[in-house]
Amino acid sequence: ASDRNDVRSSFSSYGSCCQIFAPGSSITAAYHLSDNSYASLSGTSMATPHVAGAAAIAIGRQSMSPADLTAFLIAAGTPNTISNVPSSSPNLLLYSPHPY
């Protein structure tokens, strides 16, 4: 996960298990207190929906296998944007091309 300044969040996963970074700090999200409540949340659980949304847009445009989808997202990512990334992780920020 990254923050609004493109810095790797302190709680973020890293290493060989991480293929791409996505916004995950101080994300405004729906919250459970009422039908119209929201909160500013942080976590890899906030970064994951960004990646899932980019994946949904991509497969909505063109059918592809999971491996092809992974390759597409990695190829579309913006390299060398995130600071504080350990050398064991790719420095790649999620980018979702315009769907149309």
PDB file of N, CA and C in Angstrom:
ATOM      1  N   ALA A   1       0.849  -1.189   0.000  1.00  0.00           N
ATOM      2  CA  ALA A   1       0.000   0.000   0.000  1.00  0.00           C
ATOM      3  C   ALA A   1       0.883   1.237   0.000  1.00  0.00           C
ATOM      4  N   SER A   2       0.338   2.304  -0.571  1.00  0.00           N
ATOM      5  CA  SER A   2       1.060   3.574  -0.607  1.00  0.00           C
ATOM      6  C   SER A   2       0.170   4.683  -0.072  1.00  0.00           C
ATOM      7  N   ASP A   3       0.784   5.825   0.208  1.00  0.00           N
ATOM      8  CA  ASP A   3       0.001   6.960   0.697  1.00  0.00           C
ATOM      9  C   ASP A   3      -0.149   8.008  -0.398  1.00  0.00           C
ATOM     10  N   ARG A   4      -0.778   9.122  -0.069  1.00  0.00           N
ATOM     11  CA  ARG A   4      -1.059  10.158  -1.072  1.00  0.00           C
ATOM     12  C   ARG A   4       0.200  10.820  -1.629  1.00  0.00           C
ATOM     13  N   ASN A   5       1.324  10.622  -0.956  1.00  0.00           N
ATOM     14  CA  ASN A   5       2.596  11.178  -1.432  1.00  0.00           C
ATOM     15  C   ASN A   5       3.453  10.127  -2.138  1.00  0.00           C
ATOM     16  N   ASP A   6       2.846   8.999  -2.458  1.00  0.00           N
ATOM     17  CA  ASP A   6       3.538   7.891  -3.127  1.00  0.00           C
ATOM     18  C   ASP A   6       4.701   7.342  -2.302  1.00  0.00           C
ATOM     19  N   VAL A   7       4.478   7.254  -0.996  1.00  0.00           N
ATOM     20  CA  VAL A   7       5.433   6.627  -0.082  1.00  0.00           C
ATOM     21  C   VAL A   7       4.840   5.296   0.351  1.00  0.00           C
ATOM     22  N   ARG A   8       5.660   4.258   0.400  1.00  0.00           N
ATOM     23  CA  ARG A   8       5.170   2.958   0.860  1.00  0.00           C
ATOM     24  C   ARG A   8       4.689   3.106   2.295  1.00  0.00           C
ATOM     25  N   SER A   9       3.473   2.654   2.548  1.00  0.00           N
ATOM     26  CA  SER A   9       2.914   2.712   3.903  1.00  0.00           C
ATOM     27  C   SER A   9       3.687   1.784   4.822  1.00  0.00           C
ATOM     28  N   SER A  10       3.840   2.183   6.079  1.00  0.00           N
ATOM     29  CA  SER A  10       4.633   1.404   7.028  1.00  0.00           C
ATOM     30  C   SER A  10       4.066   0.008   7.248  1.00  0.00           C
ATOM     31  N   PHE A  11       2.770  -0.162   7.084  1.00  0.00           N
ATOM     32  CA  PHE A  11       2.118  -1.456   7.308  1.00  0.00           C
ATOM     33  C   PHE A  11       2.081  -2.315   6.046  1.00  0.00           C
ATOM     34  N   SER A  12       2.578  -1.787   4.958  1.00  0.00           N
ATOM     35  CA  SER A  12       2.454  -2.444   3.660  1.00  0.00           C
ATOM     36  C   SER A  12       3.252  -3.731   3.568  1.00  0.00           C
ATOM     37  N   SER A  13       2.696  -4.654   2.822  1.00  0.00           N
ATOM     38  CA  SER A  13       3.440  -5.867   2.485  1.00  0.00           C
ATOM     39  C   SER A  13       4.598  -5.482   1.571  1.00  0.00           C
ATOM     40  N   TYR A  14       5.627  -6.308   1.564  1.00  0.00           N
ATOM     41  CA  TYR A  14       6.757  -6.073   0.670  1.00  0.00           C
ATOM     42  C   TYR A  14       7.460  -7.397   0.454  1.00  0.00           C
ATOM     43  N   GLY A  15       8.368  -7.405  -0.480  1.00  0.00           N
ATOM     44  CA  GLY A  15       9.106  -8.618  -0.805  1.00  0.00           C
ATOM     45  C   GLY A  15       8.526  -9.305  -2.024  1.00  0.00           C
ATOM     46  N   SER A  16       8.876 -10.565  -2.193  1.00  0.00           N
ATOM     47  CA  SER A  16       8.480 -11.299  -3.392  1.00  0.00           C
ATOM     48  C   SER A  16       6.973 -11.535  -3.476  1.00  0.00           C
ATOM     49  N   CYS A  17       6.251 -11.396  -2.369  1.00  0.00           N
ATOM     50  CA  CYS A  17       4.792 -11.577  -2.392  1.00  0.00           C
ATOM     51  C   CYS A  17       4.074 -10.353  -2.946  1.00  0.00           C
ATOM     52  N   CYS A  18       4.774  -9.255  -3.068  1.00  0.00           N
ATOM     53  CA  CYS A  18       4.179  -7.993  -3.530  1.00  0.00           C
ATOM     54  C   CYS A  18       4.550  -7.756  -4.984  1.00  0.00           C
ATOM     55  N   GLN A  19       3.545  -7.605  -5.847  1.00  0.00           N
ATOM     56  CA  GLN A  19       3.824  -7.367  -7.262  1.00  0.00           C
ATOM     57  C   GLN A  19       3.557  -5.928  -7.688  1.00  0.00           C
ATOM     58  N   ILE A  20       2.695  -5.230  -6.928  1.00  0.00           N
ATOM     59  CA  ILE A  20       2.332  -3.866  -7.306  1.00  0.00           C
ATOM     60  C   ILE A  20       1.831  -3.129  -6.059  1.00  0.00           C
ATOM     61  N   PHE A  21       2.038  -1.836  -6.010  1.00  0.00           N
ATOM     62  CA  PHE A  21       1.533  -1.018  -4.914  1.00  0.00           C
ATOM     63  C   PHE A  21       0.311  -0.243  -5.388  1.00  0.00           C
ATOM     64  N   ALA A  22      -0.622  -0.010  -4.467  1.00  0.00           N
ATOM     65  CA  ALA A  22      -1.831   0.761  -4.764  1.00  0.00           C
ATOM     66  C   ALA A  22      -2.155   1.617  -3.546  1.00  0.00           C
ATOM     67  N   PRO A  23      -2.918   2.696  -3.738  1.00  0.00           N
ATOM     68  CA  PRO A  23      -3.272   3.551  -2.599  1.00  0.00           C
ATOM     69  C   PRO A  23      -3.943   2.752  -1.474  1.00  0.00           C
ATOM     70  N   GLY A  24      -3.476   2.967  -0.248  1.00  0.00           N
ATOM     71  CA  GLY A  24      -4.032   2.231   0.872  1.00  0.00           C
ATOM     72  C   GLY A  24      -3.996   2.986   2.192  1.00  0.00           C
ATOM     73  N   SER A  25      -3.558   4.228   2.186  1.00  0.00           N
ATOM     74  CA  SER A  25      -3.501   5.030   3.409  1.00  0.00           C
ATOM     75  C   SER A  25      -4.494   6.182   3.329  1.00  0.00           C
ATOM     76  N   SER A  26      -5.247   6.356   4.398  1.00  0.00           N
ATOM     77  CA  SER A  26      -6.230   7.451   4.497  1.00  0.00           C
ATOM     78  C   SER A  26      -7.225   7.434   3.333  1.00  0.00           C
ATOM     79  N   ILE A  27      -7.809   6.276   3.098  1.00  0.00           N
ATOM     80  CA  ILE A  27      -8.797   6.098   2.033  1.00  0.00           C
ATOM     81  C   ILE A  27     -10.190   6.338   2.605  1.00  0.00           C
ATOM     82  N   THR A  28     -10.950   7.227   1.997  1.00  0.00           N
ATOM     83  CA  THR A  28     -12.324   7.460   2.426  1.00  0.00           C
ATOM     84  C   THR A  28     -13.167   6.290   1.940  1.00  0.00           C
ATOM     85  N   ALA A  29     -13.836   5.619   2.872  1.00  0.00           N
ATOM     86  CA  ALA A  29     -14.591   4.408   2.548  1.00  0.00           C
ATOM     87  C   ALA A  29     -15.909   4.377   3.317  1.00  0.00           C
ATOM     88  N   ALA A  30     -16.858   3.638   2.769  1.00  0.00           N
ATOM     89  CA  ALA A  30     -18.112   3.411   3.486  1.00  0.00           C
ATOM     90  C   ALA A  30     -17.792   2.776   4.833  1.00  0.00           C
ATOM     91  N   TYR A  31     -18.639   3.071   5.823  1.00  0.00           N
ATOM     92  CA  TYR A  31     -18.384   2.558   7.167  1.00  0.00           C
ATOM     93  C   TYR A  31     -19.663   1.985   7.744  1.00  0.00           C
ATOM     94  N   HIS A  32     -19.529   1.112   8.710  1.00  0.00           N
ATOM     95  CA  HIS A  32     -20.640   0.315   9.224  1.00  0.00           C
ATOM     96  C   HIS A  32     -21.589   1.039  10.190  1.00  0.00           C
ATOM     97  N   LEU A  33     -21.325   2.254  10.572  1.00  0.00           N
ATOM     98  CA  LEU A  33     -22.136   2.910  11.598  1.00  0.00           C
ATOM     99  C   LEU A  33     -23.554   3.262  11.137  1.00  0.00           C
ATOM    100  N   SER A  34     -23.711   3.556   9.844  1.00  0.00           N
ATOM    101  CA  SER A  34     -25.040   3.852   9.311  1.00  0.00           C
ATOM    102  C   SER A  34     -25.002   3.675   7.799  1.00  0.00           C
ATOM    103  N   ASP A  35     -26.153   3.828   7.164  1.00  0.00           N
ATOM    104  CA  ASP A  35     -26.228   3.657   5.712  1.00  0.00           C
ATOM    105  C   ASP A  35     -25.448   4.721   4.948  1.00  0.00           C
ATOM    106  N   ASN A  36     -25.170   5.851   5.580  1.00  0.00           N
ATOM    107  CA  ASN A  36     -24.462   6.907   4.867  1.00  0.00           C
ATOM    108  C   ASN A  36     -23.198   7.360   5.595  1.00  0.00           C
ATOM    109  N   SER A  37     -22.646   6.519   6.446  1.00  0.00           N
ATOM    110  CA  SER A  37     -21.425   6.913   7.150  1.00  0.00           C
ATOM    111  C   SER A  37     -20.189   6.501   6.356  1.00  0.00           C
ATOM    112  N   TYR A  38     -19.120   7.215   6.612  1.00  0.00           N
ATOM    113  CA  TYR A  38     -17.846   6.928   5.978  1.00  0.00           C
ATOM    114  C   TYR A  38     -16.740   7.213   6.978  1.00  0.00           C
ATOM    115  N   ALA A  39     -15.570   6.716   6.666  1.00  0.00           N
ATOM    116  CA  ALA A  39     -14.417   6.905   7.542  1.00  0.00           C
ATOM    117  C   ALA A  39     -13.160   6.920   6.683  1.00  0.00           C
ATOM    118  N   SER A  40     -12.104   7.476   7.234  1.00  0.00           N
ATOM    119  CA  SER A  40     -10.801   7.434   6.592  1.00  0.00           C
ATOM    120  C   SER A  40     -10.065   6.218   7.150  1.00  0.00           C
ATOM    121  N   LEU A  41      -9.819   5.235   6.287  1.00  0.00           N
ATOM    122  CA  LEU A  41      -9.247   3.961   6.718  1.00  0.00           C
ATOM    123  C   LEU A  41      -7.910   3.725   6.022  1.00  0.00           C
ATOM    124  N   SER A  42      -7.069   2.943   6.673  1.00  0.00           N
ATOM    125  CA  SER A  42      -5.767   2.600   6.103  1.00  0.00           C
ATOM    126  C   SER A  42      -5.522   1.111   6.264  1.00  0.00           C
ATOM    127  N   GLY A  43      -4.865   0.527   5.291  1.00  0.00           N
ATOM    128  CA  GLY A  43      -4.517  -0.880   5.365  1.00  0.00           C
ATOM    129  C   GLY A  43      -4.395  -1.487   3.983  1.00  0.00           C
ATOM    130  N   THR A  44      -3.810  -2.651   3.943  1.00  0.00           N
ATOM    131  CA  THR A  44      -3.744  -3.338   2.658  1.00  0.00           C
ATOM    132  C   THR A  44      -5.148  -3.692   2.183  1.00  0.00           C
ATOM    133  N   SER A  45      -6.105  -3.768   3.101  1.00  0.00           N
ATOM    134  CA  SER A  45      -7.497  -4.004   2.726  1.00  0.00           C
ATOM    135  C   SER A  45      -8.117  -2.799   2.035  1.00  0.00           C
ATOM    136  N   MET A  46      -7.451  -1.664   2.073  1.00  0.00           N
ATOM    137  CA  MET A  46      -7.894  -0.486   1.322  1.00  0.00           C
ATOM    138  C   MET A  46      -7.200  -0.440  -0.043  1.00  0.00           C
ATOM    139  N   ALA A  47      -6.012  -1.005  -0.145  1.00  0.00           N
ATOM    140  CA  ALA A  47      -5.296  -1.048  -1.422  1.00  0.00           C
ATOM    141  C   ALA A  47      -5.881  -2.121  -2.342  1.00  0.00           C
ATOM    142  N   THR A  48      -6.293  -3.230  -1.764  1.00  0.00           N
ATOM    143  CA  THR A  48      -6.803  -4.350  -2.557  1.00  0.00           C
ATOM    144  C   THR A  48      -7.982  -3.969  -3.447  1.00  0.00           C
ATOM    145  N   PRO A  49      -8.975  -3.200  -2.978  1.00  0.00           N
ATOM    146  CA  PRO A  49     -10.074  -2.829  -3.878  1.00  0.00           C
ATOM    147  C   PRO A  49      -9.633  -1.988  -5.075  1.00  0.00           C
ATOM    148  N   HIS A  50      -8.574  -1.227  -4.916  1.00  0.00           N
ATOM    149  CA  HIS A  50      -8.057  -0.475  -6.061  1.00  0.00           C
ATOM    150  C   HIS A  50      -7.567  -1.439  -7.146  1.00  0.00           C
ATOM    151  N   VAL A  51      -6.836  -2.460  -6.732  1.00  0.00           N
ATOM    152  CA  VAL A  51      -6.326  -3.439  -7.689  1.00  0.00           C
ATOM    153  C   VAL A  51      -7.479  -4.243  -8.286  1.00  0.00           C
ATOM    154  N   ALA A  52      -8.434  -4.633  -7.452  1.00  0.00           N
ATOM    155  CA  ALA A  52      -9.591  -5.381  -7.951  1.00  0.00           C
ATOM    156  C   ALA A  52     -10.401  -4.551  -8.949  1.00  0.00           C
ATOM    157  N   GLY A  53     -10.543  -3.275  -8.688  1.00  0.00           N
ATOM    158  CA  GLY A  53     -11.264  -2.398  -9.609  1.00  0.00           C
ATOM    159  C   GLY A  53     -10.545  -2.257 -10.937  1.00  0.00           C
ATOM    160  N   ALA A  54      -9.236  -2.088 -10.888  1.00  0.00           N
ATOM    161  CA  ALA A  54      -8.453  -2.005 -12.128  1.00  0.00           C
ATOM    162  C   ALA A  54      -8.557  -3.317 -12.902  1.00  0.00           C
ATOM    163  N   ALA A  55      -8.555  -4.435 -12.185  1.00  0.00           N
ATOM    164  CA  ALA A  55      -8.694  -5.741 -12.833  1.00  0.00           C
ATOM    165  C   ALA A  55     -10.072  -5.881 -13.478  1.00  0.00           C
ATOM    166  N   ALA A  56     -11.108  -5.424 -12.778  1.00  0.00           N
ATOM    167  CA  ALA A  56     -12.472  -5.506 -13.318  1.00  0.00           C
ATOM    168  C   ALA A  56     -12.603  -4.661 -14.586  1.00  0.00           C
ATOM    169  N   ILE A  57     -12.029  -3.482 -14.579  1.00  0.00           N
ATOM    170  CA  ILE A  57     -12.068  -2.627 -15.774  1.00  0.00           C
ATOM    171  C   ILE A  57     -11.355  -3.325 -16.931  1.00  0.00           C
ATOM    172  N   ALA A  58     -10.203  -3.905 -16.646  1.00  0.00           N
ATOM    173  CA  ALA A  58      -9.419  -4.563 -17.702  1.00  0.00           C
ATOM    174  C   ALA A  58     -10.169  -5.750 -18.301  1.00  0.00           C
ATOM    175  N   ILE A  59     -10.727  -6.610 -17.460  1.00  0.00           N
ATOM    176  CA  ILE A  59     -11.412  -7.788 -18.025  1.00  0.00           C
ATOM    177  C   ILE A  59     -12.787  -7.426 -18.585  1.00  0.00           C
ATOM    178  N   GLY A  60     -13.307  -6.258 -18.217  1.00  0.00           N
ATOM    179  CA  GLY A  60     -14.533  -5.776 -18.839  1.00  0.00           C
ATOM    180  C   GLY A  60     -14.303  -5.333 -20.270  1.00  0.00           C
ATOM    181  N   ARG A  61     -13.095  -4.953 -20.567  1.00  0.00           N
ATOM    182  CA  ARG A  61     -12.727  -4.509 -21.914  1.00  0.00           C
ATOM    183  C   ARG A  61     -12.333  -5.679 -22.797  1.00  0.00           C
ATOM    184  N   GLN A  62     -11.686  -6.679 -22.181  1.00  0.00           N
ATOM    185  CA  GLN A  62     -11.151  -7.792 -22.965  1.00  0.00           C
ATOM    186  C   GLN A  62     -11.024  -9.010 -22.060  1.00  0.00           C
ATOM    187  N   SER A  63     -11.541 -10.121 -22.491  1.00  0.00           N
ATOM    188  CA  SER A  63     -11.419 -11.359 -21.730  1.00  0.00           C
ATOM    189  C   SER A  63      -9.950 -11.777 -21.692  1.00  0.00           C
ATOM    190  N   MET A  64      -9.494 -12.160 -20.501  1.00  0.00           N
ATOM    191  CA  MET A  64      -8.107 -12.619 -20.383  1.00  0.00           C
ATOM    192  C   MET A  64      -7.979 -13.583 -19.220  1.00  0.00           C
ATOM    193  N   SER A  65      -6.979 -14.421 -19.285  1.00  0.00           N
ATOM    194  CA  SER A  65      -6.717 -15.382 -18.221  1.00  0.00           C
ATOM    195  C   SER A  65      -6.166 -14.645 -17.002  1.00  0.00           C
ATOM    196  N   PRO A  66      -6.192 -15.285 -15.843  1.00  0.00           N
ATOM    197  CA  PRO A  66      -5.590 -14.651 -14.661  1.00  0.00           C
ATOM    198  C   PRO A  66      -4.121 -14.268 -14.881  1.00  0.00           C
ATOM    199  N   ALA A  67      -3.374 -15.116 -15.550  1.00  0.00           N
ATOM    200  CA  ALA A  67      -1.962 -14.809 -15.807  1.00  0.00           C
ATOM    201  C   ALA A  67      -1.833 -13.604 -16.737  1.00  0.00           C
ATOM    202  N   ASP A  68      -2.693 -13.550 -17.759  1.00  0.00           N
ATOM    203  CA  ASP A  68      -2.650 -12.416 -18.677  1.00  0.00           C
ATOM    204  C   ASP A  68      -3.085 -11.125 -17.982  1.00  0.00           C
ATOM    205  N   LEU A  69      -4.059 -11.229 -17.078  1.00  0.00           N
ATOM    206  CA  LEU A  69      -4.514 -10.066 -16.325  1.00  0.00           C
ATOM    207  C   LEU A  69      -3.391  -9.539 -15.432  1.00  0.00           C
ATOM    208  N   THR A  70      -2.709 -10.443 -14.758  1.00  0.00           N
ATOM    209  CA  THR A  70      -1.572 -10.043 -13.920  1.00  0.00           C
ATOM    210  C   THR A  70      -0.511  -9.338 -14.761  1.00  0.00           C
ATOM    211  N   ALA A  71      -0.186  -9.935 -15.901  1.00  0.00           N
ATOM    212  CA  ALA A  71       0.816  -9.335 -16.791  1.00  0.00           C
ATOM    213  C   ALA A  71       0.359  -7.967 -17.285  1.00  0.00           C
ATOM    214  N   PHE A  72      -0.938  -7.823 -17.585  1.00  0.00           N
ATOM    215  CA  PHE A  72      -1.474  -6.549 -18.052  1.00  0.00           C
ATOM    216  C   PHE A  72      -1.329  -5.470 -16.980  1.00  0.00           C
ATOM    217  N   LEU A  73      -1.729  -5.792 -15.743  1.00  0.00           N
ATOM    218  CA  LEU A  73      -1.648  -4.811 -14.661  1.00  0.00           C
ATOM    219  C   LEU A  73      -0.204  -4.409 -14.375  1.00  0.00           C
ATOM    220  N   ILE A  74       0.698  -5.368 -14.429  1.00  0.00           N
ATOM    221  CA  ILE A  74       2.114  -5.074 -14.197  1.00  0.00           C
ATOM    222  C   ILE A  74       2.667  -4.199 -15.327  1.00  0.00           C
ATOM    223  N   ALA A  75       2.303  -4.526 -16.563  1.00  0.00           N
ATOM    224  CA  ALA A  75       2.774  -3.738 -17.706  1.00  0.00           C
ATOM    225  C   ALA A  75       2.212  -2.318 -17.681  1.00  0.00           C
ATOM    226  N   ALA A  76       0.981  -2.158 -17.175  1.00  0.00           N
ATOM    227  CA  ALA A  76       0.346  -0.835 -17.135  1.00  0.00           C
ATOM    228  C   ALA A  76       0.827   0.011 -15.964  1.00  0.00           C
ATOM    229  N   GLY A  77       1.417  -0.628 -14.946  1.00  0.00           N
ATOM    230  CA  GLY A  77       1.852   0.095 -13.752  1.00  0.00           C
ATOM    231  C   GLY A  77       2.900   1.153 -14.048  1.00  0.00           C
ATOM    232  N   THR A  78       2.966   2.135 -13.172  1.00  0.00           N
ATOM    233  CA  THR A  78       3.946   3.216 -13.310  1.00  0.00           C
ATOM    234  C   THR A  78       5.181   2.859 -12.480  1.00  0.00           C
ATOM    235  N   PRO A  79       6.330   2.657 -13.135  1.00  0.00           N
ATOM    236  CA  PRO A  79       7.530   2.236 -12.399  1.00  0.00           C
ATOM    237  C   PRO A  79       8.225   3.385 -11.671  1.00  0.00           C
ATOM    238  N   ASN A  80       8.948   3.013 -10.628  1.00  0.00           N
ATOM    239  CA  ASN A  80       9.841   3.925  -9.899  1.00  0.00           C
ATOM    240  C   ASN A  80       9.144   5.178  -9.390  1.00  0.00           C
ATOM    241  N   THR A  81       7.962   5.014  -8.844  1.00  0.00           N
ATOM    242  CA  THR A  81       7.161   6.124  -8.332  1.00  0.00           C
ATOM    243  C   THR A  81       7.096   6.137  -6.817  1.00  0.00           C
ATOM    244  N   ILE A  82       7.143   4.973  -6.199  1.00  0.00           N
ATOM    245  CA  ILE A  82       6.971   4.829  -4.757  1.00  0.00           C
ATOM    246  C   ILE A  82       8.322   4.973  -4.058  1.00  0.00           C
ATOM    247  N   SER A  83       8.350   5.746  -2.990  1.00  0.00           N
ATOM    248  CA  SER A  83       9.584   5.831  -2.195  1.00  0.00           C
ATOM    249  C   SER A  83       9.469   4.910  -0.991  1.00  0.00           C
ATOM    250  N   ASN A  84      10.609   4.603  -0.409  1.00  0.00           N
ATOM    251  CA  ASN A  84      10.703   3.723   0.751  1.00  0.00           C
ATOM    252  C   ASN A  84      10.328   2.282   0.402  1.00  0.00           C
ATOM    253  N   VAL A  85      10.665   1.856  -0.793  1.00  0.00           N
ATOM    254  CA  VAL A  85      10.386   0.484  -1.226  1.00  0.00           C
ATOM    255  C   VAL A  85      11.652  -0.344  -1.053  1.00  0.00           C
ATOM    256  N   PRO A  86      11.583  -1.436  -0.292  1.00  0.00           N
ATOM    257  CA  PRO A  86      12.763  -2.292  -0.147  1.00  0.00           C
ATOM    258  C   PRO A  86      13.192  -2.855  -1.503  1.00  0.00           C
ATOM    259  N   SER A  87      14.455  -3.142  -1.654  1.00  0.00           N
ATOM    260  CA  SER A  87      14.956  -3.652  -2.926  1.00  0.00           C
ATOM    261  C   SER A  87      14.353  -5.009  -3.281  1.00  0.00           C
ATOM    262  N   SER A  88      13.767  -5.698  -2.294  1.00  0.00           N
ATOM    263  CA  SER A  88      13.153  -7.001  -2.550  1.00  0.00           C
ATOM    264  C   SER A  88      11.768  -6.878  -3.188  1.00  0.00           C
ATOM    265  N   SER A  89      11.265  -5.653  -3.339  1.00  0.00           N
ATOM    266  CA  SER A  89       9.932  -5.418  -3.907  1.00  0.00           C
ATOM    267  C   SER A  89      10.037  -4.651  -5.212  1.00  0.00           C
ATOM    268  N   PRO A  90       9.091  -4.895  -6.124  1.00  0.00           N
ATOM    269  CA  PRO A  90       9.067  -4.068  -7.332  1.00  0.00           C
ATOM    270  C   PRO A  90       8.560  -2.670  -6.995  1.00  0.00           C
ATOM    271  N   ASN A  91       9.156  -1.658  -7.578  1.00  0.00           N
ATOM    272  CA  ASN A  91       8.704  -0.288  -7.359  1.00  0.00           C
ATOM    273  C   ASN A  91       7.737   0.043  -8.487  1.00  0.00           C
ATOM    274  N   LEU A  92       6.482  -0.331  -8.287  1.00  0.00           N
ATOM    275  CA  LEU A  92       5.478  -0.228  -9.333  1.00  0.00           C
ATOM    276  C   LEU A  92       4.155   0.225  -8.724  1.00  0.00           C
ATOM    277  N   LEU A  93       3.606   1.324  -9.226  1.00  0.00           N
ATOM    278  CA  LEU A  93       2.347   1.868  -8.746  1.00  0.00           C
ATOM    279  C   LEU A  93       1.238   1.485  -9.713  1.00  0.00           C
ATOM    280  N   LEU A  94       0.148   0.997  -9.174  1.00  0.00           N
ATOM    281  CA  LEU A  94      -1.009   0.612  -9.978  1.00  0.00           C
ATOM    282  C   LEU A  94      -1.454   1.772 -10.864  1.00  0.00           C
ATOM    283  N   TYR A  95      -1.717   1.469 -12.122  1.00  0.00           N
ATOM    284  CA  TYR A  95      -2.307   2.436 -13.050  1.00  0.00           C
ATOM    285  C   TYR A  95      -3.402   1.713 -13.813  1.00  0.00           C
ATOM    286  N   SER A  96      -4.564   2.312 -13.842  1.00  0.00           N
ATOM    287  CA  SER A  96      -5.678   1.732 -14.581  1.00  0.00           C
ATOM    288  C   SER A  96      -5.963   2.611 -15.790  1.00  0.00           C
ATOM    289  N   PRO A  97      -5.651   2.116 -16.972  1.00  0.00           N
ATOM    290  CA  PRO A  97      -5.950   2.905 -18.170  1.00  0.00           C
ATOM    291  C   PRO A  97      -7.439   3.203 -18.273  1.00  0.00           C
ATOM    292  N   HIS A  98      -7.759   4.309 -18.875  1.00  0.00           N
ATOM    293  CA  HIS A  98      -9.161   4.702 -19.051  1.00  0.00           C
ATOM    294  C   HIS A  98      -9.933   3.560 -19.721  1.00  0.00           C
ATOM    295  N   PRO A  99     -11.115   3.226 -19.208  1.00  0.00           N
ATOM    296  CA  PRO A  99     -11.826   2.048 -19.707  1.00  0.00           C
ATOM    297  C   PRO A  99     -12.394   2.193 -21.117  1.00  0.00           C
ATOM    298  N   TYR A 100     -12.437   3.385 -21.674  1.00  0.00           N
ATOM    299  CA  TYR A 100     -13.077   3.525 -22.995  1.00  0.00           C
ATOM    300  C   TYR A 100     -12.189   4.230 -23.976  1.00  0.00           C
TER     301      TYR A 100
END
